[in-house]
Protein backbone atom coordinates (compact mmCIF):
# COMPACT_ATOMS: atom_id res chain seq x y z
CA MET A 1 35.94 241.87 -88.88
CA LEU A 2 34.57 244.62 -87.09
CA ASN A 3 31.60 243.36 -85.78
CA THR A 4 34.10 240.46 -84.70
CA VAL A 5 35.96 242.70 -82.41
CA ASN A 6 32.61 244.51 -81.23
CA ALA A 7 31.03 241.57 -80.61
CA GLN A 8 34.16 239.97 -78.73
CA ASP A 9 34.68 243.60 -76.35
CA ALA A 10 31.14 243.41 -75.16
CA LYS A 11 31.31 240.09 -74.43
CA THR A 12 34.38 241.11 -71.98
CA GLU A 13 32.53 243.98 -70.67
CA ALA A 14 29.44 241.68 -69.80
CA ASP A 15 31.98 239.35 -68.17
CA GLN A 16 33.39 242.09 -65.67
CA THR A 17 29.96 244.03 -65.27
CA PRO A 18 28.98 241.49 -62.20
CA GLU A 19 32.92 242.54 -60.38
CA LEU A 20 32.35 245.79 -61.17
CA LEU A 21 28.86 246.20 -59.30
CA CYS A 22 30.51 243.81 -56.56
CA GLU A 23 33.26 246.83 -56.19
CA CYS A 24 30.93 249.67 -56.08
CA PHE A 25 28.91 248.08 -53.33
CA LYS A 26 31.75 247.51 -51.22
CA LYS A 27 32.70 251.54 -51.69
CA SER A 28 28.99 252.45 -51.13
CA ASP A 29 27.78 253.73 -47.99
CA TYR A 30 24.75 251.31 -47.32
CA TYR A 31 27.54 248.44 -47.14
CA SER A 32 29.68 250.03 -44.36
CA HIS A 33 26.32 250.82 -42.59
CA MET A 34 25.39 246.95 -43.36
CA ALA A 35 28.42 245.83 -42.53
CA THR A 36 28.54 247.49 -38.80
CA GLU A 37 25.36 245.88 -37.76
CA VAL A 38 26.62 242.55 -39.00
CA ASP A 39 29.68 242.93 -37.18
CA ALA A 40 27.69 243.70 -33.77
CA MET A 41 25.28 241.01 -34.25
CA TYR A 42 28.26 238.42 -34.72
CA GLU A 43 30.03 239.45 -31.61
CA LYS A 44 26.90 239.56 -29.60
CA PHE A 45 25.90 235.89 -30.28
CA LYS A 46 29.33 234.26 -30.97
CA PHE A 47 29.63 233.05 -27.78
CA GLU A 48 26.24 231.86 -27.01
CA GLU A 49 25.21 227.78 -27.66
CA VAL A 50 22.79 227.07 -30.49
CA LYS A 51 19.87 225.59 -29.12
CA LYS A 52 18.48 222.04 -30.76
CA GLN A 53 15.15 222.18 -32.15
CA THR A 54 12.91 220.37 -30.19
CA TYR A 55 9.79 218.23 -31.38
CA SER A 56 7.10 217.97 -29.95
CA TYR A 57 3.80 215.01 -30.66
CA ARG A 58 0.18 215.82 -29.75
CA THR A 59 -0.31 212.55 -28.56
CA SER A 60 1.61 209.90 -26.17
CA PHE A 61 3.87 207.22 -27.21
CA VAL A 62 1.16 204.73 -26.13
CA THR A 63 -1.63 206.37 -28.38
CA GLN A 64 0.77 206.20 -31.09
CA LEU A 65 1.49 202.39 -30.89
CA GLY A 66 -1.67 201.42 -30.35
CA HIS A 67 -2.56 202.84 -33.70
CA ILE A 68 0.51 202.62 -35.73
CA GLY A 69 0.06 198.83 -34.42
CA ARG A 70 -3.44 198.44 -35.49
CA ARG A 71 -2.12 199.49 -38.54
CA ALA A 72 0.15 197.03 -38.95
CA PHE A 73 -1.79 194.47 -37.88
CA LEU A 74 -4.64 195.45 -40.35
CA ASN A 75 -2.11 195.38 -43.30
CA VAL A 76 -1.37 191.63 -42.22
CA ILE A 77 -4.78 190.87 -42.64
CA ARG A 78 -5.49 192.49 -45.39
CA ASN A 79 -2.23 191.37 -47.21
CA PRO A 80 -3.38 187.17 -46.41
CA ARG A 81 -1.77 186.21 -49.61
CA THR A 82 1.75 186.92 -48.50
CA THR A 83 1.12 185.01 -45.02
CA THR A 84 -0.68 182.16 -46.54
CA ARG A 85 1.68 181.25 -48.95
CA GLN A 86 4.58 181.29 -45.67
CA VAL A 87 2.32 179.08 -43.83
CA ILE A 88 1.60 176.56 -46.68
CA SER A 89 5.81 176.29 -47.59
CA ALA A 90 6.18 175.57 -44.02
CA ILE A 91 3.66 172.30 -43.60
CA VAL A 92 4.65 170.95 -46.98
CA PHE A 93 8.25 171.52 -46.16
CA SER A 94 7.74 169.95 -42.99
CA ILE A 95 5.84 167.03 -44.56
CA LEU A 96 8.75 166.39 -46.59
CA MET A 97 11.63 166.66 -43.90
CA GLY A 98 8.89 163.90 -41.97
CA LEU A 99 8.76 161.78 -44.93
CA LEU A 100 12.54 161.93 -45.97
CA TYR A 101 14.23 161.16 -42.41
CA PHE A 102 10.44 159.00 -41.53
CA GLN A 103 11.26 157.92 -37.59
CA ILE A 104 14.92 157.30 -38.17
CA GLY A 105 15.89 154.47 -36.80
CA GLY A 106 18.87 153.72 -33.59
CA GLU A 107 21.70 151.20 -35.79
CA PRO A 108 24.52 152.71 -34.84
CA ALA A 109 25.91 152.68 -38.46
CA SER A 110 23.24 155.61 -39.36
CA ALA A 111 21.72 157.10 -36.29
CA ILE A 112 24.09 160.17 -35.67
CA GLN A 113 24.42 160.70 -39.10
CA ASP A 114 20.33 161.10 -39.93
CA ARG A 115 20.12 162.80 -36.89
CA VAL A 116 22.74 165.42 -37.79
CA GLY A 117 21.66 165.89 -41.04
CA ALA A 118 18.52 166.50 -40.41
CA LEU A 119 18.87 169.00 -37.95
CA PHE A 120 21.15 170.73 -40.03
CA VAL A 121 18.63 170.96 -43.38
CA MET A 122 16.08 171.67 -40.61
CA ILE A 123 18.23 175.05 -39.66
CA MET A 124 18.85 176.10 -42.87
CA GLN A 125 14.71 175.59 -43.96
CA SER A 126 13.94 177.70 -41.10
CA ASN A 127 16.40 180.31 -41.77
CA HIS A 128 14.72 180.76 -45.57
CA PHE A 129 11.87 181.19 -44.18
CA CYS A 130 12.76 184.74 -42.76
CA GLY A 131 14.13 185.26 -46.09
CA ASN A 132 11.06 187.72 -47.26
CA THR A 133 11.67 189.75 -43.83
CA LEU A 134 14.25 191.75 -45.95
CA SER A 135 11.88 193.91 -46.71
CA THR A 136 9.61 194.42 -43.51
CA PHE A 137 10.73 198.34 -43.57
CA LEU A 138 12.05 198.22 -47.03
CA THR A 139 8.05 198.18 -48.23
CA ASP A 140 6.92 201.32 -45.59
CA LYS A 141 10.43 203.30 -45.82
CA ILE A 142 8.92 206.09 -48.05
CA ILE A 143 5.65 206.33 -46.43
CA PHE A 144 7.59 206.34 -42.70
CA ILE A 145 10.45 208.96 -43.50
CA HIS A 146 7.03 211.51 -44.78
CA GLU A 147 5.51 210.54 -41.61
CA SER A 148 7.72 210.82 -38.93
CA ARG A 149 9.31 213.81 -40.17
CA SER A 150 5.74 215.32 -40.63
CA GLY A 151 5.27 214.50 -36.91
CA PHE A 152 2.53 211.99 -36.78
CA TYR A 153 4.23 209.30 -34.71
CA ARG A 154 7.67 208.64 -33.04
CA THR A 155 10.57 206.32 -34.69
CA SER A 156 10.08 203.53 -31.36
CA THR A 157 6.83 203.67 -31.82
CA PHE A 158 6.56 202.61 -35.84
CA PHE A 159 9.60 200.41 -35.44
CA LEU A 160 7.93 198.26 -32.33
CA ALA A 161 4.82 197.76 -34.14
CA LYS A 162 6.63 196.56 -36.72
CA LEU A 163 8.45 194.28 -34.42
CA PHE A 164 5.56 193.16 -32.46
CA CYS A 165 2.22 193.05 -34.71
CA ASP A 166 4.25 192.15 -37.97
CA LEU A 167 7.86 190.34 -37.88
CA LEU A 168 8.15 188.25 -34.43
CA PRO A 169 4.42 186.68 -34.18
CA LEU A 170 4.69 185.51 -38.11
CA ARG A 171 7.78 183.97 -37.51
CA ALA A 172 7.14 182.55 -34.42
CA LEU A 173 3.71 180.96 -35.73
CA HIS A 174 5.61 180.01 -39.08
CA ILE A 175 8.23 177.63 -37.18
CA VAL A 176 5.93 175.95 -34.70
CA MET A 177 3.63 174.79 -37.63
CA TYR A 178 7.13 173.52 -38.67
CA SER A 179 8.72 171.92 -35.85
CA ALA A 180 5.34 170.30 -34.61
CA ILE A 181 4.97 168.53 -38.03
CA ALA A 182 8.30 167.72 -38.57
CA TYR A 183 9.48 166.61 -35.10
CA TRP A 184 7.20 164.14 -34.17
CA MET A 185 7.55 162.47 -38.30
CA ILE A 186 10.71 162.26 -37.88
CA GLY A 187 10.91 160.62 -34.82
CA PHE A 188 13.63 162.69 -32.75
CA LYS A 189 13.84 162.42 -28.47
CA ALA A 190 9.98 161.38 -27.79
CA GLU A 191 10.21 163.68 -24.84
CA PHE A 192 8.10 166.89 -24.28
CA MET A 193 10.92 168.76 -22.77
CA ALA A 194 12.57 167.68 -25.31
CA TYR A 195 10.29 169.45 -27.76
CA LEU A 196 9.83 172.44 -26.15
CA ILE A 197 13.94 173.04 -26.22
CA PHE A 198 13.67 171.82 -29.50
CA ALA A 199 10.88 174.53 -30.90
CA GLY A 200 12.05 177.41 -28.65
CA ASN A 201 15.87 177.48 -30.23
CA PHE A 202 14.12 177.63 -33.65
CA ILE A 203 12.04 180.51 -32.49
CA LEU A 204 14.86 182.36 -31.48
CA THR A 205 17.29 181.50 -34.37
CA ALA A 206 14.54 182.38 -36.43
CA TRP A 207 14.21 186.01 -34.65
CA ALA A 208 17.74 186.25 -34.46
CA THR A 209 17.93 185.57 -38.27
CA SER A 210 15.20 188.16 -39.16
CA ALA A 211 16.97 190.61 -37.39
CA LEU A 212 19.97 190.30 -39.20
CA TYR A 213 17.99 190.67 -42.55
CA VAL A 214 15.98 193.74 -41.52
CA PHE A 215 19.18 195.17 -40.51
CA LEU A 216 20.99 194.82 -43.83
CA GLY A 217 17.52 195.80 -45.32
CA THR A 218 17.93 199.11 -43.83
CA PHE A 219 21.47 199.74 -46.49
CA GLY A 220 19.68 199.51 -49.75
CA ASP A 221 16.35 201.76 -50.99
CA ASN A 222 15.37 197.57 -52.71
CA ILE A 223 16.00 194.07 -52.03
CA PHE A 224 18.25 193.81 -55.09
CA ASP A 225 20.64 196.31 -53.24
CA VAL A 226 21.17 194.19 -50.50
CA ILE A 227 21.36 190.90 -51.77
CA PRO A 228 24.95 191.02 -52.78
CA ILE A 229 25.93 191.76 -49.03
CA ILE A 230 23.87 188.85 -47.73
CA SER A 231 25.43 186.30 -49.80
CA PRO A 232 28.57 186.38 -47.76
CA ILE A 233 27.65 186.86 -44.78
CA GLU A 234 25.08 183.56 -45.27
CA THR A 235 28.07 181.58 -46.32
CA ILE A 236 30.03 182.56 -43.28
CA MET A 237 27.72 181.54 -41.03
CA VAL A 238 27.09 178.09 -42.81
CA MET A 239 30.81 177.61 -43.03
CA PHE A 240 31.24 178.40 -39.61
CA GLY A 241 27.95 176.59 -37.94
CA GLY A 242 29.77 172.97 -37.25
CA PHE A 243 28.01 171.15 -39.61
CA LEU A 244 31.02 171.38 -42.80
CA ILE A 245 33.98 171.22 -40.49
CA ASN A 246 35.13 170.49 -37.11
CA ILE A 247 34.98 173.87 -35.42
CA ASN A 248 38.10 172.36 -33.26
CA SER A 249 40.14 171.36 -36.39
CA LEU A 250 40.23 175.19 -37.88
CA LEU A 251 43.32 177.36 -38.16
CA PRO A 252 43.39 179.48 -35.05
CA TRP A 253 43.30 182.58 -36.01
CA LEU A 254 40.18 181.78 -37.74
CA THR A 255 38.28 180.80 -34.78
CA TRP A 256 36.68 184.07 -33.69
CA LEU A 257 34.25 184.13 -36.33
CA LYS A 258 32.41 181.19 -34.89
CA TRP A 259 30.81 183.78 -32.30
CA PHE A 260 29.52 185.47 -35.21
CA SER A 261 27.41 182.45 -36.58
CA ILE A 262 23.59 182.16 -35.79
CA ILE A 263 23.53 178.68 -37.38
CA ARG A 264 26.60 177.83 -35.14
CA TYR A 265 24.21 178.37 -31.74
CA SER A 266 21.17 177.05 -32.90
CA TYR A 267 23.09 173.66 -34.16
CA ASN A 268 24.84 173.35 -31.01
CA THR A 269 21.20 173.86 -28.97
CA ILE A 270 19.41 171.01 -31.24
CA MET A 271 22.60 168.70 -31.12
CA ALA A 272 22.84 168.50 -27.73
CA ASN A 273 18.96 168.90 -27.30
CA GLU A 274 19.37 165.19 -29.06
CA LEU A 275 21.92 163.20 -29.06
CA SER A 276 22.76 164.14 -25.04
CA GLY A 277 21.76 160.75 -22.70
CA GLN A 278 21.47 159.01 -26.09
CA VAL A 279 22.82 155.37 -26.90
CA PHE A 280 22.44 153.80 -30.51
CA CYS A 281 23.08 150.05 -30.25
CA ASN A 282 22.92 147.08 -32.85
CA PRO A 283 19.53 145.47 -32.32
CA PHE A 284 21.21 142.07 -33.52
CA PRO A 285 22.42 140.15 -30.26
CA ASP A 286 25.45 138.99 -32.14
CA ASN A 287 26.82 142.41 -32.68
CA SER A 288 26.72 145.09 -29.72
CA THR A 289 28.44 147.34 -31.52
CA CYS A 290 27.03 150.88 -29.45
CA VAL A 291 27.95 154.47 -30.44
CA SER A 292 27.28 157.12 -27.72
CA GLY A 293 25.65 160.71 -28.60
CA ASP A 294 27.48 162.16 -25.61
CA VAL A 295 31.00 160.83 -27.18
CA TYR A 296 29.67 162.52 -30.93
CA LEU A 297 29.47 165.83 -28.81
CA ASN A 298 32.51 165.89 -27.11
CA GLN A 299 34.12 165.26 -30.47
CA GLN A 300 32.61 168.08 -32.13
CA GLY A 301 33.42 169.76 -28.77
CA ILE A 302 29.80 171.14 -28.32
CA ASP A 303 28.67 171.41 -24.75
CA SER A 304 25.47 169.40 -23.70
CA SER A 305 25.35 170.33 -20.34
CA ALA A 306 22.46 172.49 -19.47
CA ARG A 307 24.48 175.84 -18.81
CA GLY A 308 25.79 175.09 -22.26
CA ILE A 309 22.38 175.04 -24.19
CA LEU A 310 21.06 178.39 -21.54
CA MET A 311 24.23 180.42 -23.18
CA ASN A 312 23.56 178.99 -26.68
CA GLU A 313 19.93 180.61 -26.55
CA ILE A 314 20.92 183.85 -24.49
CA ALA A 315 23.76 184.30 -27.42
CA LEU A 316 20.84 184.12 -29.78
CA ILE A 317 18.59 186.66 -27.42
CA CYS A 318 21.33 188.98 -27.47
CA ILE A 319 22.44 188.55 -31.19
CA ALA A 320 18.42 189.56 -31.95
CA VAL A 321 18.30 192.54 -29.87
CA GLY A 322 21.45 194.09 -30.84
CA LEU A 323 20.68 193.56 -34.44
CA PHE A 324 17.33 195.17 -33.89
CA PHE A 325 19.05 197.89 -31.65
CA LEU A 326 20.97 198.92 -35.06
CA THR A 327 18.30 198.31 -37.20
CA TYR A 328 16.32 201.21 -34.75
CA VAL A 329 18.98 203.42 -35.22
CA ARG A 330 19.27 203.19 -39.06
CA LEU A 331 15.61 203.92 -39.16
CA ARG A 332 16.53 207.23 -37.00
CA MET A 333 19.02 208.08 -39.78
CA SER A 334 16.95 207.42 -42.50
CA ARG A 335 14.72 209.59 -40.96
CA ARG A 336 17.24 212.68 -41.29
CA LEU A 337 19.14 212.26 -43.90
CA LYS A 338 16.31 211.60 -46.63
């Protein structure tokens, strides 16, 4: 019993020791002298601005961009398996689309339906080709944070190098191969200018979709963190794309969502490009039933004029530029916070 009491007293005394030491230190002459010096320093500098630390690089922006761009290009060449799979996938799906809708005819009963279905499926496939861009910055995130914080290069040089040496050219290559095969096999409007508008629209659509995926990819450390975010966004874009439901029949308080649908801008452009000025008539002389593409476009609320097509393409460009800019901002934030 006596040992227990002594142990408790010793424990209580040990707990009070730091407080006693602090009280003794505050009563000492050393504490008074140190407090006087600290107060003097505080009074001297409290109204002065704190200058931000600036970083300087040993190489110029152009030099950094050249080296990082070369490294990004070499990474693509050294990993041909991924690029080869994407190219083969684009060729295979374009041939399948061409066989499925091979040389669609002009019968009034099916001409517009077949074309609308083919165009919408091609938009969805081109978006799926951009799915691998989700990991564009995720795979190099740790390396980027280490190298940029060590002063090797600027955030802007890394971002632009990945953009122009990896992301944009590969997406354009796949889309050009896909559209060049499928367009002529399906039998869309046999005009070279119409094909250029078609291919250009799909390239812009792929770039805008890639910008969305890349931006969303900055919110996670791996792909599985981002997939739950992508699914509802893709669903909204498809629902308000103009294919599943007529935009004019939407409730007024929901129509504003159509302005955020990348699919809608792409769908309106290729629909106007394909159906504008076309009239599909029954080939039999005893039945002169005809269906006008312009009438269908008006019913869907699609502007088929050159200005309407141009505005859709400008919208895709603005979406891509805006999302790429937000991605750059996120990269700068990740560099500082990690």
